[in-house]
Amino acid sequence: MSTEENKRNEFLFVKRQDLKEELRLTVIEVMAEFKEEKVWITAETTKNMLSIKSDTTLQMLRNTGKITFSQPLKKLILYKKASVLEYLEKHSHKPF
């Protein structure tokens, strides 16, 4: 048998109570992440949301005031998530 076949044939035995507890903790963790909605997002996240790759395009949006940003450190620029979503909404098109 190959290593891959061995991996498929392995079994893991877990007590039901342990599995329930692990699932409960995972659900709590995921729910906490949704609750803690981030107000400020990184340049990478912003570019992903806007489907752009260029830092220059992002800078142009900043310079023209189309998205709100904060620069708490010299090399750190954060973007207000609400303004990015608002920009996307303003530039959305309704289907025919």
PDB file of N, CA and C in Angstrom:
ATOM      1  N   MET A   1       0.829  -1.182   0.000  1.00  0.00           N
ATOM      2  CA  MET A   1       0.000   0.000   0.000  1.00  0.00           C
ATOM      3  C   MET A   1       0.874   1.247   0.000  1.00  0.00           C
ATOM      4  N   SER A   2       0.443   2.260  -0.743  1.00  0.00           N
ATOM      5  CA  SER A   2       1.205   3.507  -0.777  1.00  0.00           C
ATOM      6  C   SER A   2       0.920   4.325   0.482  1.00  0.00           C
ATOM      7  N   THR A   3       1.732   5.332   0.690  1.00  0.00           N
ATOM      8  CA  THR A   3       1.557   6.214   1.850  1.00  0.00           C
ATOM      9  C   THR A   3       0.196   6.901   1.796  1.00  0.00           C
ATOM     10  N   GLU A   4      -0.199   7.294   0.602  1.00  0.00           N
ATOM     11  CA  GLU A   4      -1.500   7.961   0.432  1.00  0.00           C
ATOM     12  C   GLU A   4      -2.646   7.024   0.821  1.00  0.00           C
ATOM     13  N   GLU A   5      -2.560   5.767   0.429  1.00  0.00           N
ATOM     14  CA  GLU A   5      -3.597   4.796   0.790  1.00  0.00           C
ATOM     15  C   GLU A   5      -3.618   4.564   2.291  1.00  0.00           C
ATOM     16  N   ASN A   6      -2.443   4.526   2.916  1.00  0.00           N
ATOM     17  CA  ASN A   6      -2.373   4.370   4.372  1.00  0.00           C
ATOM     18  C   ASN A   6      -3.057   5.527   5.085  1.00  0.00           C
ATOM     19  N   LYS A   7      -2.846   6.738   4.577  1.00  0.00           N
ATOM     20  CA  LYS A   7      -3.469   7.908   5.201  1.00  0.00           C
ATOM     21  C   LYS A   7      -4.991   7.818   5.134  1.00  0.00           C
ATOM     22  N   ARG A   8      -5.501   7.338   4.015  1.00  0.00           N
ATOM     23  CA  ARG A   8      -6.951   7.227   3.865  1.00  0.00           C
ATOM     24  C   ARG A   8      -7.538   6.155   4.765  1.00  0.00           C
ATOM     25  N   ASN A   9      -6.746   5.180   5.129  1.00  0.00           N
ATOM     26  CA  ASN A   9      -7.236   4.077   5.942  1.00  0.00           C
ATOM     27  C   ASN A   9      -7.032   4.288   7.440  1.00  0.00           C
ATOM     28  N   GLU A  10      -6.468   5.428   7.825  1.00  0.00           N
ATOM     29  CA  GLU A  10      -6.255   5.696   9.242  1.00  0.00           C
ATOM     30  C   GLU A  10      -7.558   6.159   9.883  1.00  0.00           C
ATOM     31  N   PHE A  11      -7.743   5.789  11.127  1.00  0.00           N
ATOM     32  CA  PHE A  11      -8.922   6.200  11.877  1.00  0.00           C
ATOM     33  C   PHE A  11      -8.476   6.931  13.126  1.00  0.00           C
ATOM     34  N   LEU A  12      -9.278   7.878  13.528  1.00  0.00           N
ATOM     35  CA  LEU A  12      -9.009   8.612  14.753  1.00  0.00           C
ATOM     36  C   LEU A  12     -10.214   8.420  15.659  1.00  0.00           C
ATOM     37  N   PHE A  13      -9.967   7.921  16.838  1.00  0.00           N
ATOM     38  CA  PHE A  13     -11.053   7.696  17.778  1.00  0.00           C
ATOM     39  C   PHE A  13     -11.058   8.827  18.796  1.00  0.00           C
ATOM     40  N   VAL A  14     -12.228   9.433  18.943  1.00  0.00           N
ATOM     41  CA  VAL A  14     -12.383  10.558  19.862  1.00  0.00           C
ATOM     42  C   VAL A  14     -13.637  10.315  20.685  1.00  0.00           C
ATOM     43  N   LYS A  15     -13.550  10.635  21.953  1.00  0.00           N
ATOM     44  CA  LYS A  15     -14.744  10.514  22.789  1.00  0.00           C
ATOM     45  C   LYS A  15     -15.771  11.532  22.327  1.00  0.00           C
ATOM     46  N   ARG A  16     -17.016  11.126  22.358  1.00  0.00           N
ATOM     47  CA  ARG A  16     -18.101  11.993  21.920  1.00  0.00           C
ATOM     48  C   ARG A  16     -18.079  13.326  22.669  1.00  0.00           C
ATOM     49  N   GLN A  17     -17.881  13.280  23.975  1.00  0.00           N
ATOM     50  CA  GLN A  17     -17.880  14.501  24.787  1.00  0.00           C
ATOM     51  C   GLN A  17     -16.724  15.423  24.390  1.00  0.00           C
ATOM     52  N   ASP A  18     -15.562  14.841  24.105  1.00  0.00           N
ATOM     53  CA  ASP A  18     -14.414  15.648  23.678  1.00  0.00           C
ATOM     54  C   ASP A  18     -14.693  16.321  22.335  1.00  0.00           C
ATOM     55  N   LEU A  19     -15.319  15.581  21.428  1.00  0.00           N
ATOM     56  CA  LEU A  19     -15.661  16.131  20.125  1.00  0.00           C
ATOM     57  C   LEU A  19     -16.665  17.275  20.270  1.00  0.00           C
ATOM     58  N   LYS A  20     -17.679  17.069  21.104  1.00  0.00           N
ATOM     59  CA  LYS A  20     -18.678  18.118  21.338  1.00  0.00           C
ATOM     60  C   LYS A  20     -18.023  19.383  21.880  1.00  0.00           C
ATOM     61  N   GLU A  21     -17.124  19.209  22.831  1.00  0.00           N
ATOM     62  CA  GLU A  21     -16.449  20.361  23.436  1.00  0.00           C
ATOM     63  C   GLU A  21     -15.586  21.087  22.404  1.00  0.00           C
ATOM     64  N   GLU A  22     -14.902  20.331  21.588  1.00  0.00           N
ATOM     65  CA  GLU A  22     -14.059  20.936  20.553  1.00  0.00           C
ATOM     66  C   GLU A  22     -14.915  21.706  19.547  1.00  0.00           C
ATOM     67  N   LEU A  23     -16.034  21.135  19.154  1.00  0.00           N
ATOM     68  CA  LEU A  23     -16.949  21.821  18.241  1.00  0.00           C
ATOM     69  C   LEU A  23     -17.526  23.077  18.875  1.00  0.00           C
ATOM     70  N   ARG A  24     -17.895  22.985  20.141  1.00  0.00           N
ATOM     71  CA  ARG A  24     -18.452  24.139  20.852  1.00  0.00           C
ATOM     72  C   ARG A  24     -17.445  25.289  20.884  1.00  0.00           C
ATOM     73  N   LEU A  25     -16.197  24.973  21.195  1.00  0.00           N
ATOM     74  CA  LEU A  25     -15.161  26.000  21.257  1.00  0.00           C
ATOM     75  C   LEU A  25     -14.893  26.614  19.881  1.00  0.00           C
ATOM     76  N   THR A  26     -14.934  25.787  18.855  1.00  0.00           N
ATOM     77  CA  THR A  26     -14.730  26.286  17.498  1.00  0.00           C
ATOM     78  C   THR A  26     -15.854  27.227  17.088  1.00  0.00           C
ATOM     79  N   VAL A  27     -17.084  26.867  17.388  1.00  0.00           N
ATOM     80  CA  VAL A  27     -18.230  27.721  17.062  1.00  0.00           C
ATOM     81  C   VAL A  27     -18.122  29.054  17.794  1.00  0.00           C
ATOM     82  N   ILE A  28     -17.756  29.026  19.061  1.00  0.00           N
ATOM     83  CA  ILE A  28     -17.597  30.260  19.840  1.00  0.00           C
ATOM     84  C   ILE A  28     -16.518  31.144  19.214  1.00  0.00           C
ATOM     85  N   GLU A  29     -15.429  30.537  18.798  1.00  0.00           N
ATOM     86  CA  GLU A  29     -14.324  31.266  18.176  1.00  0.00           C
ATOM     87  C   GLU A  29     -14.769  31.941  16.882  1.00  0.00           C
ATOM     88  N   VAL A  30     -15.477  31.206  16.042  1.00  0.00           N
ATOM     89  CA  VAL A  30     -15.946  31.747  14.765  1.00  0.00           C
ATOM     90  C   VAL A  30     -16.942  32.871  14.995  1.00  0.00           C
ATOM     91  N   MET A  31     -17.846  32.697  15.937  1.00  0.00           N
ATOM     92  CA  MET A  31     -18.829  33.738  16.232  1.00  0.00           C
ATOM     93  C   MET A  31     -18.148  35.000  16.757  1.00  0.00           C
ATOM     94  N   ALA A  32     -17.120  34.849  17.553  1.00  0.00           N
ATOM     95  CA  ALA A  32     -16.390  35.998  18.089  1.00  0.00           C
ATOM     96  C   ALA A  32     -15.730  36.786  16.959  1.00  0.00           C
ATOM     97  N   GLU A  33     -15.219  36.086  15.965  1.00  0.00           N
ATOM     98  CA  GLU A  33     -14.600  36.760  14.823  1.00  0.00           C
ATOM     99  C   GLU A  33     -15.622  37.605  14.078  1.00  0.00           C
ATOM    100  N   PHE A  34     -16.837  37.093  13.912  1.00  0.00           N
ATOM    101  CA  PHE A  34     -17.862  37.858  13.220  1.00  0.00           C
ATOM    102  C   PHE A  34     -18.287  39.074  14.038  1.00  0.00           C
ATOM    103  N   LYS A  35     -18.332  38.941  15.352  1.00  0.00           N
ATOM    104  CA  LYS A  35     -18.717  40.054  16.214  1.00  0.00           C
ATOM    105  C   LYS A  35     -17.715  41.188  16.143  1.00  0.00           C
ATOM    106  N   GLU A  36     -16.442  40.836  16.098  1.00  0.00           N
ATOM    107  CA  GLU A  36     -15.385  41.835  16.101  1.00  0.00           C
ATOM    108  C   GLU A  36     -15.121  42.334  14.681  1.00  0.00           C
ATOM    109  N   GLU A  37     -16.127  42.921  14.073  1.00  0.00           N
ATOM    110  CA  GLU A  37     -15.985  43.445  12.723  1.00  0.00           C
ATOM    111  C   GLU A  37     -14.948  44.563  12.737  1.00  0.00           C
ATOM    112  N   LYS A  38     -13.976  44.461  11.899  1.00  0.00           N
ATOM    113  CA  LYS A  38     -12.899  45.444  11.872  1.00  0.00           C
ATOM    114  C   LYS A  38     -13.363  46.735  11.209  1.00  0.00           C
ATOM    115  N   VAL A  39     -13.029  47.862  11.846  1.00  0.00           N
ATOM    116  CA  VAL A  39     -13.358  49.177  11.309  1.00  0.00           C
ATOM    117  C   VAL A  39     -12.296  49.595  10.301  1.00  0.00           C
ATOM    118  N   TRP A  40     -11.045  49.326  10.632  1.00  0.00           N
ATOM    119  CA  TRP A  40      -9.922  49.701   9.775  1.00  0.00           C
ATOM    120  C   TRP A  40      -9.282  48.446   9.188  1.00  0.00           C
ATOM    121  N   ILE A  41      -8.966  48.496   7.896  1.00  0.00           N
ATOM    122  CA  ILE A  41      -8.403  47.332   7.209  1.00  0.00           C
ATOM    123  C   ILE A  41      -7.087  47.712   6.520  1.00  0.00           C
ATOM    124  N   THR A  42      -6.281  46.708   6.246  1.00  0.00           N
ATOM    125  CA  THR A  42      -4.969  46.929   5.633  1.00  0.00           C
ATOM    126  C   THR A  42      -5.098  47.242   4.143  1.00  0.00           C
ATOM    127  N   ALA A  43      -3.983  47.693   3.575  1.00  0.00           N
ATOM    128  CA  ALA A  43      -3.944  47.980   2.138  1.00  0.00           C
ATOM    129  C   ALA A  43      -4.218  46.714   1.325  1.00  0.00           C
ATOM    130  N   GLU A  44      -3.646  45.596   1.749  1.00  0.00           N
ATOM    131  CA  GLU A  44      -3.855  44.335   1.021  1.00  0.00           C
ATOM    132  C   GLU A  44      -5.328  43.936   1.011  1.00  0.00           C
ATOM    133  N   THR A  45      -5.974  44.026   2.165  1.00  0.00           N
ATOM    134  CA  THR A  45      -7.399  43.691   2.249  1.00  0.00           C
ATOM    135  C   THR A  45      -8.214  44.637   1.383  1.00  0.00           C
ATOM    136  N   THR A  46      -7.860  45.923   1.423  1.00  0.00           N
ATOM    137  CA  THR A  46      -8.567  46.927   0.627  1.00  0.00           C
ATOM    138  C   THR A  46      -8.426  46.625  -0.862  1.00  0.00           C
ATOM    139  N   LYS A  47      -7.211  46.322  -1.291  1.00  0.00           N
ATOM    140  CA  LYS A  47      -6.995  46.000  -2.710  1.00  0.00           C
ATOM    141  C   LYS A  47      -7.775  44.753  -3.115  1.00  0.00           C
ATOM    142  N   ASN A  48      -7.823  43.772  -2.250  1.00  0.00           N
ATOM    143  CA  ASN A  48      -8.606  42.565  -2.549  1.00  0.00           C
ATOM    144  C   ASN A  48     -10.086  42.893  -2.683  1.00  0.00           C
ATOM    145  N   MET A  49     -10.603  43.713  -1.773  1.00  0.00           N
ATOM    146  CA  MET A  49     -12.024  44.077  -1.831  1.00  0.00           C
ATOM    147  C   MET A  49     -12.353  44.819  -3.124  1.00  0.00           C
ATOM    148  N   LEU A  50     -11.426  45.681  -3.565  1.00  0.00           N
ATOM    149  CA  LEU A  50     -11.660  46.495  -4.755  1.00  0.00           C
ATOM    150  C   LEU A  50     -11.205  45.805  -6.043  1.00  0.00           C
ATOM    151  N   SER A  51     -10.630  44.626  -5.914  1.00  0.00           N
ATOM    152  CA  SER A  51     -10.098  43.874  -7.064  1.00  0.00           C
ATOM    153  C   SER A  51      -9.067  44.692  -7.838  1.00  0.00           C
ATOM    154  N   ILE A  52      -8.181  45.345  -7.098  1.00  0.00           N
ATOM    155  CA  ILE A  52      -7.082  46.068  -7.737  1.00  0.00           C
ATOM    156  C   ILE A  52      -5.766  45.482  -7.241  1.00  0.00           C
ATOM    157  N   LYS A  53      -4.731  45.608  -8.064  1.00  0.00           N
ATOM    158  CA  LYS A  53      -3.431  45.060  -7.691  1.00  0.00           C
ATOM    159  C   LYS A  53      -2.406  46.156  -7.437  1.00  0.00           C
ATOM    160  N   SER A  54      -2.671  47.332  -7.952  1.00  0.00           N
ATOM    161  CA  SER A  54      -1.688  48.404  -7.940  1.00  0.00           C
ATOM    162  C   SER A  54      -1.775  49.277  -6.688  1.00  0.00           C
ATOM    163  N   ASP A  55      -0.610  49.501  -6.071  1.00  0.00           N
ATOM    164  CA  ASP A  55      -0.545  50.444  -4.952  1.00  0.00           C
ATOM    165  C   ASP A  55      -0.820  51.864  -5.441  1.00  0.00           C
ATOM    166  N   THR A  56      -0.457  52.139  -6.693  1.00  0.00           N
ATOM    167  CA  THR A  56      -0.677  53.465  -7.269  1.00  0.00           C
ATOM    168  C   THR A  56      -2.169  53.766  -7.381  1.00  0.00           C
ATOM    169  N   THR A  57      -2.946  52.796  -7.799  1.00  0.00           N
ATOM    170  CA  THR A  57      -4.398  52.982  -7.889  1.00  0.00           C
ATOM    171  C   THR A  57      -4.980  53.244  -6.510  1.00  0.00           C
ATOM    172  N   LEU A  58      -4.509  52.518  -5.528  1.00  0.00           N
ATOM    173  CA  LEU A  58      -4.975  52.717  -4.158  1.00  0.00           C
ATOM    174  C   LEU A  58      -4.606  54.114  -3.674  1.00  0.00           C
ATOM    175  N   GLN A  59      -3.407  54.570  -3.992  1.00  0.00           N
ATOM    176  CA  GLN A  59      -2.976  55.910  -3.606  1.00  0.00           C
ATOM    177  C   GLN A  59      -3.836  56.968  -4.289  1.00  0.00           C
ATOM    178  N   MET A  60      -4.198  56.751  -5.552  1.00  0.00           N
ATOM    179  CA  MET A  60      -5.052  57.690  -6.277  1.00  0.00           C
ATOM    180  C   MET A  60      -6.419  57.806  -5.601  1.00  0.00           C
ATOM    181  N   LEU A  61      -6.966  56.679  -5.152  1.00  0.00           N
ATOM    182  CA  LEU A  61      -8.255  56.701  -4.453  1.00  0.00           C
ATOM    183  C   LEU A  61      -8.135  57.471  -3.138  1.00  0.00           C
ATOM    184  N   ARG A  62      -6.994  57.338  -2.477  1.00  0.00           N
ATOM    185  CA  ARG A  62      -6.716  58.079  -1.241  1.00  0.00           C
ATOM    186  C   ARG A  62      -6.596  59.571  -1.530  1.00  0.00           C
ATOM    187  N   ASN A  63      -5.771  59.908  -2.511  1.00  0.00           N
ATOM    188  CA  ASN A  63      -5.478  61.311  -2.821  1.00  0.00           C
ATOM    189  C   ASN A  63      -6.700  62.083  -3.296  1.00  0.00           C
ATOM    190  N   THR A  64      -7.615  61.401  -3.961  1.00  0.00           N
ATOM    191  CA  THR A  64      -8.821  62.067  -4.467  1.00  0.00           C
ATOM    192  C   THR A  64      -9.957  62.051  -3.446  1.00  0.00           C
ATOM    193  N   GLY A  65      -9.695  61.468  -2.278  1.00  0.00           N
ATOM    194  CA  GLY A  65     -10.698  61.465  -1.210  1.00  0.00           C
ATOM    195  C   GLY A  65     -11.838  60.489  -1.433  1.00  0.00           C
ATOM    196  N   LYS A  66     -11.639  59.523  -2.298  1.00  0.00           N
ATOM    197  CA  LYS A  66     -12.714  58.569  -2.592  1.00  0.00           C
ATOM    198  C   LYS A  66     -12.859  57.506  -1.515  1.00  0.00           C
ATOM    199  N   ILE A  67     -11.782  57.233  -0.785  1.00  0.00           N
ATOM    200  CA  ILE A  67     -11.862  56.319   0.359  1.00  0.00           C
ATOM    201  C   ILE A  67     -11.136  56.953   1.549  1.00  0.00           C
ATOM    202  N   THR A  68     -11.654  56.704   2.730  1.00  0.00           N
ATOM    203  CA  THR A  68     -11.102  57.272   3.959  1.00  0.00           C
ATOM    204  C   THR A  68      -9.939  56.419   4.446  1.00  0.00           C
ATOM    205  N   PHE A  69      -8.882  57.104   4.891  1.00  0.00           N
ATOM    206  CA  PHE A  69      -7.719  56.371   5.389  1.00  0.00           C
ATOM    207  C   PHE A  69      -7.153  57.037   6.631  1.00  0.00           C
ATOM    208  N   SER A  70      -6.324  56.294   7.320  1.00  0.00           N
ATOM    209  CA  SER A  70      -5.621  56.784   8.502  1.00  0.00           C
ATOM    210  C   SER A  70      -4.183  56.294   8.406  1.00  0.00           C
ATOM    211  N   GLN A  71      -3.259  57.133   8.861  1.00  0.00           N
ATOM    212  CA  GLN A  71      -1.852  56.741   8.825  1.00  0.00           C
ATOM    213  C   GLN A  71      -1.264  56.864  10.232  1.00  0.00           C
ATOM    214  N   PRO A  72      -1.521  55.851  11.078  1.00  0.00           N
ATOM    215  CA  PRO A  72      -1.055  55.914  12.463  1.00  0.00           C
ATOM    216  C   PRO A  72       0.466  55.826  12.603  1.00  0.00           C
ATOM    217  N   LEU A  73       1.125  55.210  11.634  1.00  0.00           N
ATOM    218  CA  LEU A  73       2.589  55.112  11.610  1.00  0.00           C
ATOM    219  C   LEU A  73       3.072  55.506  10.223  1.00  0.00           C
ATOM    220  N   LYS A  74       4.327  55.898  10.134  1.00  0.00           N
ATOM    221  CA  LYS A  74       4.864  56.373   8.860  1.00  0.00           C
ATOM    222  C   LYS A  74       4.644  55.391   7.706  1.00  0.00           C
ATOM    223  N   LYS A  75       4.861  54.115   7.959  1.00  0.00           N
ATOM    224  CA  LYS A  75       4.737  53.118   6.885  1.00  0.00           C
ATOM    225  C   LYS A  75       3.467  52.280   6.973  1.00  0.00           C
ATOM    226  N   LEU A  76       2.511  52.709   7.777  1.00  0.00           N
ATOM    227  CA  LEU A  76       1.266  51.949   7.923  1.00  0.00           C
ATOM    228  C   LEU A  76       0.078  52.828   7.569  1.00  0.00           C
ATOM    229  N   ILE A  77      -0.616  52.437   6.530  1.00  0.00           N
ATOM    230  CA  ILE A  77      -1.831  53.141   6.132  1.00  0.00           C
ATOM    231  C   ILE A  77      -2.979  52.154   6.250  1.00  0.00           C
ATOM    232  N   LEU A  78      -4.015  52.563   6.966  1.00  0.00           N
ATOM    233  CA  LEU A  78      -5.211  51.742   7.135  1.00  0.00           C
ATOM    234  C   LEU A  78      -6.378  52.433   6.449  1.00  0.00           C
ATOM    235  N   TYR A  79      -7.341  51.643   6.012  1.00  0.00           N
ATOM    236  CA  TYR A  79      -8.484  52.166   5.278  1.00  0.00           C
ATOM    237  C   TYR A  79      -9.761  51.850   6.034  1.00  0.00           C
ATOM    238  N   LYS A  80     -10.668  52.820   6.058  1.00  0.00           N
ATOM    239  CA  LYS A  80     -11.939  52.615   6.749  1.00  0.00           C
ATOM    240  C   LYS A  80     -12.802  51.684   5.896  1.00  0.00           C
ATOM    241  N   LYS A  81     -13.134  50.539   6.464  1.00  0.00           N
ATOM    242  CA  LYS A  81     -13.872  49.514   5.720  1.00  0.00           C
ATOM    243  C   LYS A  81     -15.204  50.050   5.202  1.00  0.00           C
ATOM    244  N   ALA A  82     -15.887  50.852   6.012  1.00  0.00           N
ATOM    245  CA  ALA A  82     -17.188  51.398   5.605  1.00  0.00           C
ATOM    246  C   ALA A  82     -17.049  52.273   4.361  1.00  0.00           C
ATOM    247  N   SER A  83     -15.966  53.050   4.268  1.00  0.00           N
ATOM    248  CA  SER A  83     -15.793  53.917   3.097  1.00  0.00           C
ATOM    249  C   SER A  83     -15.465  53.099   1.846  1.00  0.00           C
ATOM    250  N   VAL A  84     -14.757  51.993   2.018  1.00  0.00           N
ATOM    251  CA  VAL A  84     -14.455  51.115   0.882  1.00  0.00           C
ATOM    252  C   VAL A  84     -15.748  50.473   0.376  1.00  0.00           C
ATOM    253  N   LEU A  85     -16.580  50.004   1.303  1.00  0.00           N
ATOM    254  CA  LEU A  85     -17.870  49.415   0.916  1.00  0.00           C
ATOM    255  C   LEU A  85     -18.768  50.461   0.256  1.00  0.00           C
ATOM    256  N   GLU A  86     -18.735  51.692   0.777  1.00  0.00           N
ATOM    257  CA  GLU A  86     -19.526  52.781   0.195  1.00  0.00           C
ATOM    258  C   GLU A  86     -19.048  53.081  -1.229  1.00  0.00           C
ATOM    259  N   TYR A  87     -17.745  53.099  -1.435  1.00  0.00           N
ATOM    260  CA  TYR A  87     -17.176  53.315  -2.769  1.00  0.00           C
ATOM    261  C   TYR A  87     -17.644  52.224  -3.732  1.00  0.00           C
ATOM    262  N   LEU A  88     -17.603  50.985  -3.286  1.00  0.00           N
ATOM    263  CA  LEU A  88     -18.072  49.877  -4.123  1.00  0.00           C
ATOM    264  C   LEU A  88     -19.551  50.032  -4.465  1.00  0.00           C
ATOM    265  N   GLU A  89     -20.334  50.422  -3.475  1.00  0.00           N
ATOM    266  CA  GLU A  89     -21.777  50.595  -3.683  1.00  0.00           C
ATOM    267  C   GLU A  89     -22.048  51.706  -4.698  1.00  0.00           C
ATOM    268  N   LYS A  90     -21.332  52.816  -4.590  1.00  0.00           N
ATOM    269  CA  LYS A  90     -21.508  53.943  -5.519  1.00  0.00           C
ATOM    270  C   LYS A  90     -21.174  53.552  -6.954  1.00  0.00           C
ATOM    271  N   HIS A  91     -20.261  52.623  -7.102  1.00  0.00           N
ATOM    272  CA  HIS A  91     -19.817  52.234  -8.438  1.00  0.00           C
ATOM    273  C   HIS A  91     -20.411  50.905  -8.908  1.00  0.00           C
ATOM    274  N   SER A  92     -21.433  50.459  -8.230  1.00  0.00           N
ATOM    275  CA  SER A  92     -22.095  49.221  -8.661  1.00  0.00           C
ATOM    276  C   SER A  92     -23.130  49.550  -9.736  1.00  0.00           C
ATOM    277  N   HIS A  93     -23.414  48.591 -10.553  1.00  0.00           N
ATOM    278  CA  HIS A  93     -24.384  48.765 -11.633  1.00  0.00           C
ATOM    279  C   HIS A  93     -25.484  47.734 -11.476  1.00  0.00           C
ATOM    280  N   LYS A  94     -26.697  48.185 -11.653  1.00  0.00           N
ATOM    281  CA  LYS A  94     -27.832  47.269 -11.577  1.00  0.00           C
ATOM    282  C   LYS A  94     -27.955  46.528 -12.909  1.00  0.00           C
ATOM    283  N   PRO A  95     -28.341  45.248 -12.851  1.00  0.00           N
ATOM    284  CA  PRO A  95     -28.503  44.497 -14.105  1.00  0.00           C
ATOM    285  C   PRO A  95     -29.695  45.023 -14.898  1.00  0.00           C
ATOM    286  N   PHE A  96     -29.698  44.737 -16.169  1.00  0.00           N
ATOM    287  CA  PHE A  96     -30.764  45.220 -17.059  1.00  0.00           C
ATOM    288  C   PHE A  96     -32.091  44.680 -16.691  1.00  0.00           C
TER     289      PHE A  96
END
